[in-house]
Amino acid sequence: MKTENIQQHDAHTPSPSPHLTVPPDGKISIGKSAILGLQHVVAMDVYVVPFLIAMLIGLSADQSSALIQSTFIAAGLATIVQTYFCMKLPMAQGPSYVPLGAIVAIYAASGGGEMGWSSVLGASVVGAVLVVILGYTGVFNKIVKSFIPPIVGGTIIFIVGLSLLPVAIRDNVYGATDATINQNVLLALISAASLILFVILGSVFGTKGAIFRITSVIIALIIGCFSANAMGVLDFSAVASANWFSMPQIPFKDFGFSFDLSAIITMVIIYLVLLAETTGTWFAISNVIDKPLTDKNINRGVIGEGLSCLIASGLGSTPVTGYSTNAGIISITGVASRRVFLAVGGWFVLFGCSGKLAALISSIPTAVIGGVFAIVCGIIAINGIQVMKNESIGEKEMYIIAIPMIITLALVLIPKDFLYTLPNFVQYLFGSPILAAALAAILLNKLLPSAK
């Protein structure tokens, strides 16, 4: 990625990346879009964030189901808004992990129950409106141009993949409770090996083997599920008991909005953190599809982020953001068509309106997803290295790359008991390894003297 890719508008339409089989504006049939979109959906673990929130604040079973349902619908609508109307890049939106601590704190400080949740939603609405203003005025774009040159942008992409990799292996494989540790490791190896095998088949057979490459993720997940079934650890009981259709939450009937100044200030800080983190996703996608991030892209992306979070709040859900996972899947499959991401949005809305379909996707064994997710994380990290490969790596640049890498691993491995003893703002900062490492890269780039 050259400097002008980030810092100025390219008057010419860039040629499609040679490793893409379908470029962003490439046409693809509805059937293929649906299948390819589904593999993005199943690899995103969208249900995890609302599940964690429900557990942390003690929601009832019905309230938990309603939150998960509204989160799926919000992710779908946000994906369509960002991909087709705002940033217009192939990307999927989903609930962010960044606000978890703030949501729990606001909920508790406001007395819990309906009042606690209405304070969370009210603060989320105000923060989302502010994000839209930042995009409309171009303020955030000026920040990106000034503070994120290619060496910093590439480092941010690298640490995105690096920070997710321990989660994929430690939490999704070693920490999975679906089966024994031996079974989880075996399932992860089977799904990862299946993914690699079908990518290799796609490369060996060239255009004739394109189908193997573009469906490699979903095939790997299917093989992983069959393997889990053979081991006796695939449980679809939740699918059988779920309803085919259920109504989503309705504003002012199922929930309301209240506005507390301290809650709003807290959420505004969280939204700024969210924007800093999602910038890494934008760079990753831009690099994968070999399309420069223009001023217009960034401004519209910030507006899209704000509108997406506004939609999520209006549905009674939590802030959403772009998922880095999808950049890795685009690299693996070579398909970057925005039509696929329109299908992603459609699938999410469908899952949100159907308890049975949502239960189906959440029944995929965690270790199976972890095996695929680990490969995807590695691909994301390599994309960051590709951004930096044309830069001259001197002493300054070594520190810009190395220190954020150390910070990322240190915060991924930080004991939670220690984290919770720190002040709230520090918890927000250290709770997001990507944000803390990104800030370190930006500061080091500005403070360290350049070699003469």
Protein backbone atom coordinates (compact mmCIF):
# COMPACT_ATOMS: atom_id res chain seq x y z
CA MET A 1 0.00 0.00 0.00
CA LYS A 2 1.65 3.24 -1.09
CA THR A 3 1.36 6.44 0.96
CA GLU A 4 -0.94 8.07 -1.55
CA ASN A 5 -3.34 5.16 -1.15
CA ILE A 6 -4.21 6.43 2.30
CA GLN A 7 -3.56 10.11 1.98
CA GLN A 8 -5.12 11.23 -1.27
CA HIS A 9 -7.89 10.42 -3.68
CA ASP A 10 -6.79 8.29 -6.62
CA ALA A 11 -8.33 9.71 -9.77
CA HIS A 12 -8.06 6.41 -11.58
CA THR A 13 -9.99 3.26 -10.76
CA PRO A 14 -7.43 0.73 -9.56
CA SER A 15 -7.18 -2.54 -11.42
CA PRO A 16 -8.45 -5.60 -9.59
CA SER A 17 -5.89 -7.41 -7.48
CA PRO A 18 -4.46 -10.37 -9.44
CA HIS A 19 -5.22 -12.80 -6.58
CA LEU A 20 -8.94 -11.95 -6.59
CA THR A 21 -11.24 -14.23 -8.57
CA VAL A 22 -14.14 -11.79 -8.21
CA PRO A 23 -13.45 -8.03 -7.63
CA PRO A 24 -15.64 -5.83 -5.36
CA ASP A 25 -17.94 -4.72 -8.16
CA GLY A 26 -17.91 -8.11 -9.88
CA LYS A 27 -21.28 -9.65 -10.66
CA ILE A 28 -22.13 -13.00 -9.13
CA SER A 29 -25.36 -15.00 -9.11
CA ILE A 30 -27.82 -14.87 -6.22
CA GLY A 31 -27.25 -18.55 -5.42
CA LYS A 32 -23.47 -18.24 -5.29
CA SER A 33 -23.72 -15.01 -3.30
CA ALA A 34 -25.91 -16.77 -0.74
CA ILE A 35 -23.50 -19.71 -0.35
CA LEU A 36 -20.39 -17.53 -0.20
CA GLY A 37 -22.09 -15.09 2.16
CA LEU A 38 -23.00 -17.93 4.51
CA GLN A 39 -19.37 -18.88 5.04
CA HIS A 40 -18.61 -15.33 6.16
CA VAL A 41 -21.56 -15.46 8.57
CA VAL A 42 -20.61 -18.77 10.20
CA ALA A 43 -17.01 -17.63 10.70
CA MET A 44 -17.94 -14.43 12.56
CA ASP A 45 -19.27 -15.67 15.95
CA VAL A 46 -21.74 -12.78 16.08
CA TYR A 47 -23.77 -14.41 18.84
CA VAL A 48 -20.83 -14.40 21.31
CA VAL A 49 -20.98 -10.70 22.28
CA PRO A 50 -24.71 -10.61 23.19
CA PHE A 51 -24.28 -13.95 24.99
CA LEU A 52 -21.45 -12.49 27.10
CA ILE A 53 -23.43 -9.33 27.87
CA ALA A 54 -26.48 -11.35 28.89
CA MET A 55 -24.29 -13.45 31.20
CA LEU A 56 -22.42 -10.47 32.70
CA ILE A 57 -25.52 -8.41 33.57
CA GLY A 58 -27.75 -11.38 34.43
CA LEU A 59 -30.48 -11.23 31.78
CA SER A 60 -33.27 -13.82 31.82
CA ALA A 61 -33.47 -16.50 29.10
CA ASP A 62 -36.12 -14.54 27.18
CA GLN A 63 -34.16 -11.30 27.44
CA SER A 64 -30.98 -13.07 26.32
CA SER A 65 -32.75 -14.52 23.26
CA ALA A 66 -34.20 -11.09 22.41
CA LEU A 67 -30.74 -9.46 22.64
CA ILE A 68 -29.12 -12.13 20.45
CA GLN A 69 -31.95 -11.78 17.94
CA SER A 70 -31.69 -7.97 17.74
CA THR A 71 -27.88 -8.23 17.46
CA PHE A 72 -28.17 -10.45 14.37
CA ILE A 73 -30.63 -8.05 12.73
CA ALA A 74 -28.48 -5.03 13.60
CA ALA A 75 -25.39 -6.76 12.12
CA GLY A 76 -27.30 -7.49 8.90
CA LEU A 77 -28.67 -3.99 8.41
CA ALA A 78 -25.32 -2.42 9.36
CA THR A 79 -23.49 -4.63 6.84
CA ILE A 80 -25.84 -3.54 4.06
CA VAL A 81 -25.56 0.15 5.04
CA GLN A 82 -21.75 0.11 5.13
CA THR A 83 -21.18 -2.08 2.06
CA TYR A 84 -23.78 -0.61 -0.28
CA PHE A 85 -24.51 2.94 0.83
CA CYS A 86 -21.56 4.32 2.80
CA MET A 87 -18.02 2.96 2.56
CA LYS A 88 -18.92 0.72 -0.41
CA LEU A 89 -16.20 -1.83 0.36
CA PRO A 90 -16.76 -5.57 0.87
CA MET A 91 -17.02 -5.73 4.64
CA ALA A 92 -19.33 -7.18 7.26
CA GLN A 93 -20.41 -5.51 10.49
CA GLY A 94 -20.95 -7.23 13.80
CA PRO A 95 -21.14 -6.47 17.52
CA SER A 96 -17.92 -5.11 18.97
CA TYR A 97 -16.15 -6.52 22.02
CA VAL A 98 -14.74 -3.07 22.88
CA PRO A 99 -17.80 -1.69 24.74
CA LEU A 100 -18.34 -4.78 26.95
CA GLY A 101 -16.80 -3.28 30.09
CA ALA A 102 -18.49 0.09 29.58
CA ILE A 103 -21.90 -1.53 29.02
CA VAL A 104 -21.65 -3.52 32.25
CA ALA A 105 -20.45 -0.41 34.17
CA ILE A 106 -23.23 1.85 32.80
CA TYR A 107 -25.87 -0.82 33.42
CA ALA A 108 -24.80 -1.28 37.05
CA ALA A 109 -24.33 2.46 37.75
CA SER A 110 -27.86 3.18 36.45
CA GLY A 111 -29.46 0.68 38.79
CA GLY A 112 -29.72 -2.31 36.46
CA GLY A 113 -32.97 -3.64 35.02
CA GLU A 114 -34.88 -1.60 32.43
CA MET A 115 -33.38 1.69 33.63
CA GLY A 116 -29.85 0.30 33.34
CA TRP A 117 -30.36 -0.93 29.79
CA SER A 118 -32.15 2.28 28.72
CA SER A 119 -29.10 4.26 29.94
CA VAL A 120 -26.82 2.02 27.84
CA LEU A 121 -28.99 2.56 24.75
CA GLY A 122 -29.40 6.31 25.31
CA ALA A 123 -25.64 6.81 25.64
CA SER A 124 -25.12 4.64 22.54
CA VAL A 125 -27.49 6.83 20.50
CA VAL A 126 -25.65 10.06 21.45
CA GLY A 127 -22.25 8.50 20.72
CA ALA A 128 -23.42 7.22 17.33
CA VAL A 129 -24.67 10.68 16.32
CA LEU A 130 -21.26 12.13 17.26
CA VAL A 131 -19.51 9.55 15.07
CA VAL A 132 -21.72 10.54 12.11
CA ILE A 133 -20.71 14.18 12.67
CA LEU A 134 -17.00 13.22 12.73
CA GLY A 135 -17.43 11.54 9.36
CA TYR A 136 -19.55 14.30 7.82
CA THR A 137 -17.09 17.03 8.80
CA GLY A 138 -14.06 14.95 7.73
CA VAL A 139 -12.36 15.39 11.12
CA PHE A 140 -11.55 11.71 11.53
CA ASN A 141 -10.12 11.50 8.01
CA LYS A 142 -7.69 14.32 8.83
CA ILE A 143 -6.58 12.36 11.88
CA VAL A 144 -5.94 9.25 9.72
CA LYS A 145 -3.96 11.20 7.11
CA SER A 146 -1.78 12.85 9.73
CA PHE A 147 -1.15 9.93 12.05
CA ILE A 148 -1.37 6.68 10.03
CA PRO A 149 1.24 6.35 7.23
CA PRO A 150 1.86 2.91 5.64
CA ILE A 151 4.32 1.71 8.32
CA VAL A 152 1.75 2.44 11.02
CA GLY A 153 -1.18 1.14 8.94
CA GLY A 154 0.66 -2.09 8.19
CA THR A 155 1.55 -2.52 11.86
CA ILE A 156 -2.10 -2.05 12.85
CA ILE A 157 -3.21 -4.73 10.36
CA PHE A 158 -0.48 -7.06 11.65
CA ILE A 159 -1.51 -6.63 15.30
CA VAL A 160 -5.18 -7.18 14.38
CA GLY A 161 -4.29 -10.68 13.20
CA LEU A 162 -1.82 -11.21 16.04
CA SER A 163 -4.33 -10.21 18.74
CA LEU A 164 -7.04 -12.51 17.38
CA LEU A 165 -4.77 -15.55 17.00
CA PRO A 166 -4.51 -16.38 20.75
CA VAL A 167 -8.29 -16.01 21.00
CA ALA A 168 -8.76 -18.47 18.14
CA ILE A 169 -6.42 -21.05 19.67
CA ARG A 170 -6.72 -20.52 23.43
CA ASP A 171 -10.43 -19.71 23.75
CA ASN A 172 -11.92 -21.47 20.73
CA VAL A 173 -9.80 -24.63 20.85
CA TYR A 174 -8.12 -25.22 24.22
CA GLY A 175 -10.83 -23.46 26.21
CA ALA A 176 -13.85 -24.86 24.35
CA THR A 177 -16.31 -26.78 26.52
CA ASP A 178 -18.04 -28.66 23.68
CA ALA A 179 -15.79 -31.71 24.08
CA THR A 180 -12.59 -32.96 25.72
CA ILE A 181 -9.32 -31.15 25.06
CA ASN A 182 -8.12 -34.00 22.80
CA GLN A 183 -11.34 -33.90 20.76
CA ASN A 184 -11.22 -30.10 20.49
CA VAL A 185 -7.63 -30.12 19.22
CA LEU A 186 -8.47 -32.88 16.72
CA LEU A 187 -11.55 -31.00 15.46
CA ALA A 188 -9.53 -27.80 15.05
CA LEU A 189 -6.83 -29.67 13.12
CA ILE A 190 -9.42 -31.35 10.87
CA SER A 191 -11.19 -28.08 9.99
CA ALA A 192 -7.90 -26.20 9.49
CA ALA A 193 -6.42 -29.01 7.35
CA SER A 194 -9.63 -29.18 5.28
CA LEU A 195 -9.44 -25.45 4.63
CA ILE A 196 -5.80 -25.65 3.52
CA LEU A 197 -6.52 -28.73 1.37
CA PHE A 198 -9.31 -27.06 -0.59
CA VAL A 199 -7.31 -23.86 -1.05
CA ILE A 200 -4.45 -26.00 -2.47
CA LEU A 201 -6.89 -27.84 -4.76
CA GLY A 202 -8.16 -24.49 -6.00
CA SER A 203 -4.61 -23.37 -6.78
CA VAL A 204 -3.58 -26.66 -8.43
CA PHE A 205 -6.56 -26.81 -10.78
CA GLY A 206 -6.53 -23.07 -11.60
CA THR A 207 -9.80 -21.71 -13.00
CA LYS A 208 -11.33 -25.21 -13.02
CA GLY A 209 -10.70 -25.51 -9.30
CA ALA A 210 -12.03 -22.05 -8.40
CA ILE A 211 -15.07 -23.61 -6.73
CA PHE A 212 -12.77 -25.38 -4.23
CA ARG A 213 -11.10 -22.13 -3.25
CA ILE A 214 -14.15 -19.89 -2.99
CA THR A 215 -16.11 -22.39 -0.87
CA SER A 216 -13.13 -23.61 1.16
CA VAL A 217 -14.27 -22.01 4.43
CA ILE A 218 -17.79 -23.39 4.45
CA ILE A 219 -16.57 -26.84 3.28
CA ALA A 220 -14.03 -26.89 6.13
CA LEU A 221 -16.78 -26.02 8.63
CA ILE A 222 -19.07 -28.73 7.23
CA ILE A 223 -16.29 -31.35 7.42
CA GLY A 224 -15.57 -30.20 10.97
CA CYS A 225 -19.25 -30.62 11.91
CA PHE A 226 -19.38 -34.13 10.39
CA SER A 227 -16.25 -35.00 12.37
CA ALA A 228 -17.82 -33.63 15.55
CA ASN A 229 -20.93 -35.72 14.89
CA ALA A 230 -18.78 -38.83 14.44
CA MET A 231 -17.19 -38.09 17.83
CA GLY A 232 -20.61 -37.65 19.38
CA VAL A 233 -20.08 -34.00 20.37
CA LEU A 234 -22.40 -32.29 17.85
CA ASP A 235 -25.49 -31.11 19.74
CA PHE A 236 -28.48 -29.80 17.77
CA SER A 237 -30.99 -30.04 20.62
CA ALA A 238 -31.24 -26.25 20.85
CA VAL A 239 -32.17 -26.13 17.15
CA ALA A 240 -35.04 -28.60 17.60
CA SER A 241 -36.58 -26.61 20.46
CA ALA A 242 -36.22 -23.16 18.84
CA ASN A 243 -39.07 -21.41 16.98
CA TRP A 244 -38.86 -20.93 13.23
CA PHE A 245 -40.01 -17.31 13.47
CA SER A 246 -40.09 -14.82 16.32
CA MET A 247 -40.62 -11.07 16.37
CA PRO A 248 -37.61 -8.83 17.09
CA GLN A 249 -37.61 -6.23 19.87
CA ILE A 250 -39.67 -3.07 19.29
CA PRO A 251 -38.45 0.34 20.59
CA PHE A 252 -40.54 1.96 23.37
CA LYS A 253 -42.53 -1.25 23.72
CA ASP A 254 -39.78 -3.69 24.74
CA PHE A 255 -37.21 -1.07 25.75
CA GLY A 256 -36.69 2.69 26.06
CA PHE A 257 -33.92 5.31 26.10
CA SER A 258 -32.64 7.48 28.95
CA PHE A 259 -29.78 9.96 28.88
CA ASP A 260 -27.27 10.18 31.70
CA LEU A 261 -24.29 12.54 31.31
CA SER A 262 -21.65 10.23 32.83
CA ALA A 263 -22.94 7.31 30.74
CA ILE A 264 -22.81 9.45 27.59
CA ILE A 265 -19.22 10.60 28.29
CA THR A 266 -18.19 7.00 28.88
CA MET A 267 -19.79 5.80 25.64
CA VAL A 268 -18.31 8.68 23.61
CA ILE A 269 -14.83 7.56 24.73
CA ILE A 270 -15.74 4.00 23.75
CA TYR A 271 -16.85 5.12 20.28
CA LEU A 272 -13.53 6.90 19.73
CA VAL A 273 -11.80 3.67 20.74
CA LEU A 274 -14.07 1.78 18.35
CA LEU A 275 -13.15 4.06 15.43
CA ALA A 276 -9.45 3.68 16.16
CA GLU A 277 -9.83 -0.10 16.18
CA THR A 278 -11.99 -0.38 13.07
CA THR A 279 -9.42 1.62 11.08
CA GLY A 280 -7.22 -1.48 11.13
CA THR A 281 -10.05 -3.48 9.55
CA TRP A 282 -10.44 -0.88 6.80
CA PHE A 283 -6.72 -1.01 6.02
CA ALA A 284 -6.80 -4.82 5.98
CA ILE A 285 -9.71 -4.94 3.51
CA SER A 286 -8.19 -2.19 1.37
CA ASN A 287 -4.94 -4.14 1.13
CA VAL A 288 -6.62 -7.47 0.36
CA ILE A 289 -8.69 -6.06 -2.52
CA ASP A 290 -5.80 -3.79 -3.64
CA LYS A 291 -8.06 -0.74 -3.68
CA PRO A 292 -6.72 2.50 -2.15
CA LEU A 293 -8.53 4.02 0.83
CA THR A 294 -9.55 7.45 -0.43
CA ASP A 295 -10.65 10.46 1.60
CA LYS A 296 -14.20 9.75 0.47
CA ASN A 297 -13.95 6.10 1.58
CA ILE A 298 -12.81 7.04 5.06
CA ASN A 299 -15.35 9.84 5.59
CA ARG A 300 -18.21 7.68 4.34
CA GLY A 301 -16.89 4.77 6.39
CA VAL A 302 -17.04 6.84 9.59
CA ILE A 303 -20.57 7.99 8.69
CA GLY A 304 -21.50 4.36 8.01
CA GLU A 305 -20.04 3.30 11.36
CA GLY A 306 -22.14 5.94 13.12
CA LEU A 307 -25.33 5.04 11.24
CA SER A 308 -24.73 1.34 11.90
CA CYS A 309 -24.37 1.95 15.64
CA LEU A 310 -27.48 4.13 15.55
CA ILE A 311 -29.42 1.28 13.92
CA ALA A 312 -28.09 -1.16 16.52
CA SER A 313 -29.18 1.12 19.37
CA GLY A 314 -32.59 1.56 17.77
CA LEU A 315 -33.00 -2.22 17.77
CA GLY A 316 -32.01 -2.49 21.43
CA SER A 317 -28.55 -3.90 20.66
CA THR A 318 -24.95 -2.82 21.22
CA PRO A 319 -22.43 -0.93 19.01
CA VAL A 320 -21.24 -2.68 15.84
CA THR A 321 -18.01 -2.48 13.91
CA GLY A 322 -16.25 -3.96 10.88
CA TYR A 323 -14.92 -7.50 11.37
CA SER A 324 -11.32 -8.28 10.40
CA THR A 325 -12.23 -11.95 9.90
CA ASN A 326 -13.80 -11.15 6.55
CA ALA A 327 -10.57 -9.71 5.15
CA GLY A 328 -8.88 -13.04 5.84
CA ILE A 329 -11.72 -14.97 4.17
CA ILE A 330 -11.51 -12.72 1.09
CA SER A 331 -7.76 -13.50 0.90
CA ILE A 332 -8.44 -17.22 1.11
CA THR A 333 -11.38 -17.42 -1.32
CA GLY A 334 -10.40 -14.59 -3.71
CA VAL A 335 -14.04 -13.40 -3.77
CA ALA A 336 -14.51 -9.73 -2.85
CA SER A 337 -17.89 -9.09 -4.52
CA ARG A 338 -20.10 -6.68 -2.60
CA ARG A 339 -23.04 -8.84 -3.67
CA VAL A 340 -21.70 -11.54 -1.34
CA PHE A 341 -21.80 -9.07 1.54
CA LEU A 342 -25.33 -8.05 0.63
CA ALA A 343 -26.10 -11.76 1.12
CA VAL A 344 -24.23 -11.64 4.45
CA GLY A 345 -26.55 -8.86 5.58
CA GLY A 346 -29.57 -10.81 4.38
CA TRP A 347 -28.47 -13.95 6.24
CA PHE A 348 -28.00 -12.00 9.47
CA VAL A 349 -31.49 -10.48 9.25
CA LEU A 350 -32.93 -13.92 8.50
CA PHE A 351 -31.10 -15.47 11.46
CA GLY A 352 -32.36 -12.62 13.63
CA CYS A 353 -35.97 -13.34 12.70
CA SER A 354 -35.61 -17.11 13.08
CA GLY A 355 -34.68 -18.61 16.40
CA LYS A 356 -34.07 -21.97 14.72
CA LEU A 357 -31.52 -20.63 12.22
CA ALA A 358 -29.74 -18.60 14.91
CA ALA A 359 -29.57 -21.72 17.08
CA LEU A 360 -28.16 -23.70 14.12
CA ILE A 361 -25.22 -21.37 13.61
CA SER A 362 -24.50 -21.17 17.35
CA SER A 363 -24.46 -25.01 17.51
CA ILE A 364 -21.33 -25.32 15.37
CA PRO A 365 -18.64 -26.62 17.77
CA THR A 366 -16.34 -23.85 18.95
CA ALA A 367 -13.22 -25.87 18.13
CA VAL A 368 -14.33 -26.27 14.50
CA ILE A 369 -14.66 -22.51 14.15
CA GLY A 370 -11.36 -22.06 16.00
CA GLY A 371 -9.45 -24.18 13.49
CA VAL A 372 -10.68 -22.06 10.58
CA PHE A 373 -10.40 -18.82 12.55
CA ALA A 374 -6.71 -19.45 13.35
CA ILE A 375 -5.86 -19.68 9.63
CA VAL A 376 -7.86 -16.52 8.93
CA CYS A 377 -5.99 -14.63 11.69
CA GLY A 378 -2.65 -15.67 10.23
CA ILE A 379 -3.69 -14.42 6.79
CA ILE A 380 -4.72 -11.05 8.27
CA ALA A 381 -1.31 -10.67 9.96
CA ILE A 382 0.49 -11.47 6.69
CA ASN A 383 -1.56 -8.78 4.93
CA GLY A 384 -0.08 -6.28 7.38
CA ILE A 385 3.44 -7.41 6.46
CA GLN A 386 2.57 -6.94 2.78
CA VAL A 387 1.60 -3.32 3.45
CA MET A 388 5.00 -2.71 5.07
CA LYS A 389 7.15 -4.65 2.59
CA ASN A 390 7.90 -1.64 0.36
CA GLU A 391 8.85 0.57 3.30
CA SER A 392 12.45 1.09 4.36
CA ILE A 393 12.81 -0.63 7.76
CA GLY A 394 15.32 1.34 9.80
CA GLU A 395 15.83 1.54 13.55
CA LYS A 396 12.76 3.76 14.03
CA GLU A 397 10.53 1.45 12.02
CA MET A 398 11.74 -1.59 13.97
CA TYR A 399 10.50 -0.02 17.19
CA ILE A 400 7.21 1.04 15.56
CA ILE A 401 6.57 -2.62 14.67
CA ALA A 402 8.14 -4.37 17.67
CA ILE A 403 6.69 -2.37 20.61
CA PRO A 404 3.02 -2.68 19.47
CA MET A 405 3.62 -6.40 18.88
CA ILE A 406 4.85 -6.78 22.48
CA ILE A 407 1.96 -4.69 23.83
CA THR A 408 -0.55 -6.79 21.89
CA LEU A 409 0.70 -10.08 23.33
CA ALA A 410 1.07 -8.59 26.83
CA LEU A 411 -2.55 -7.39 26.87
CA VAL A 412 -3.95 -10.55 25.28
CA LEU A 413 -2.32 -12.52 28.09
CA ILE A 414 -3.01 -10.01 30.91
CA PRO A 415 -4.72 -11.64 33.94
CA LYS A 416 -8.32 -10.45 34.21
CA ASP A 417 -8.05 -10.12 38.00
CA PHE A 418 -5.26 -7.57 37.55
CA LEU A 419 -7.12 -5.74 34.75
CA TYR A 420 -10.20 -5.20 36.93
CA THR A 421 -8.13 -3.52 39.66
CA LEU A 422 -7.20 -0.66 37.29
CA PRO A 423 -9.20 2.58 36.78
CA ASN A 424 -12.13 2.30 34.35
CA PHE A 425 -10.50 4.29 31.54
CA VAL A 426 -7.33 2.17 31.77
CA GLN A 427 -9.53 -0.93 31.69
CA TYR A 428 -11.12 0.29 28.44
CA LEU A 429 -7.69 0.97 26.96
CA PHE A 430 -6.01 -2.25 28.09
CA GLY A 431 -9.17 -4.27 27.38
CA SER A 432 -8.60 -3.64 23.67
CA PRO A 433 -5.10 -4.86 22.69
CA ILE A 434 -5.62 -3.56 19.14
CA LEU A 435 -6.38 -0.04 20.34
CA ALA A 436 -3.49 0.12 22.84
CA ALA A 437 -0.99 -1.24 20.30
CA ALA A 438 -2.31 1.06 17.55
CA LEU A 439 -1.90 4.10 19.80
CA ALA A 440 1.64 2.97 20.61
CA ALA A 441 2.49 2.68 16.89
CA ILE A 442 1.06 6.14 16.21
CA LEU A 443 2.92 7.76 19.12
CA LEU A 444 6.22 6.03 18.30
CA ASN A 445 5.96 7.20 14.68
CA LYS A 446 5.49 10.79 15.84
CA LEU A 447 7.98 10.83 18.72
CA LEU A 448 10.93 8.79 17.45
CA PRO A 449 13.42 10.74 15.30
CA SER A 450 13.77 9.62 11.68
CA ALA A 451 17.14 8.39 10.47
CA LYS A 452 19.04 11.04 8.53
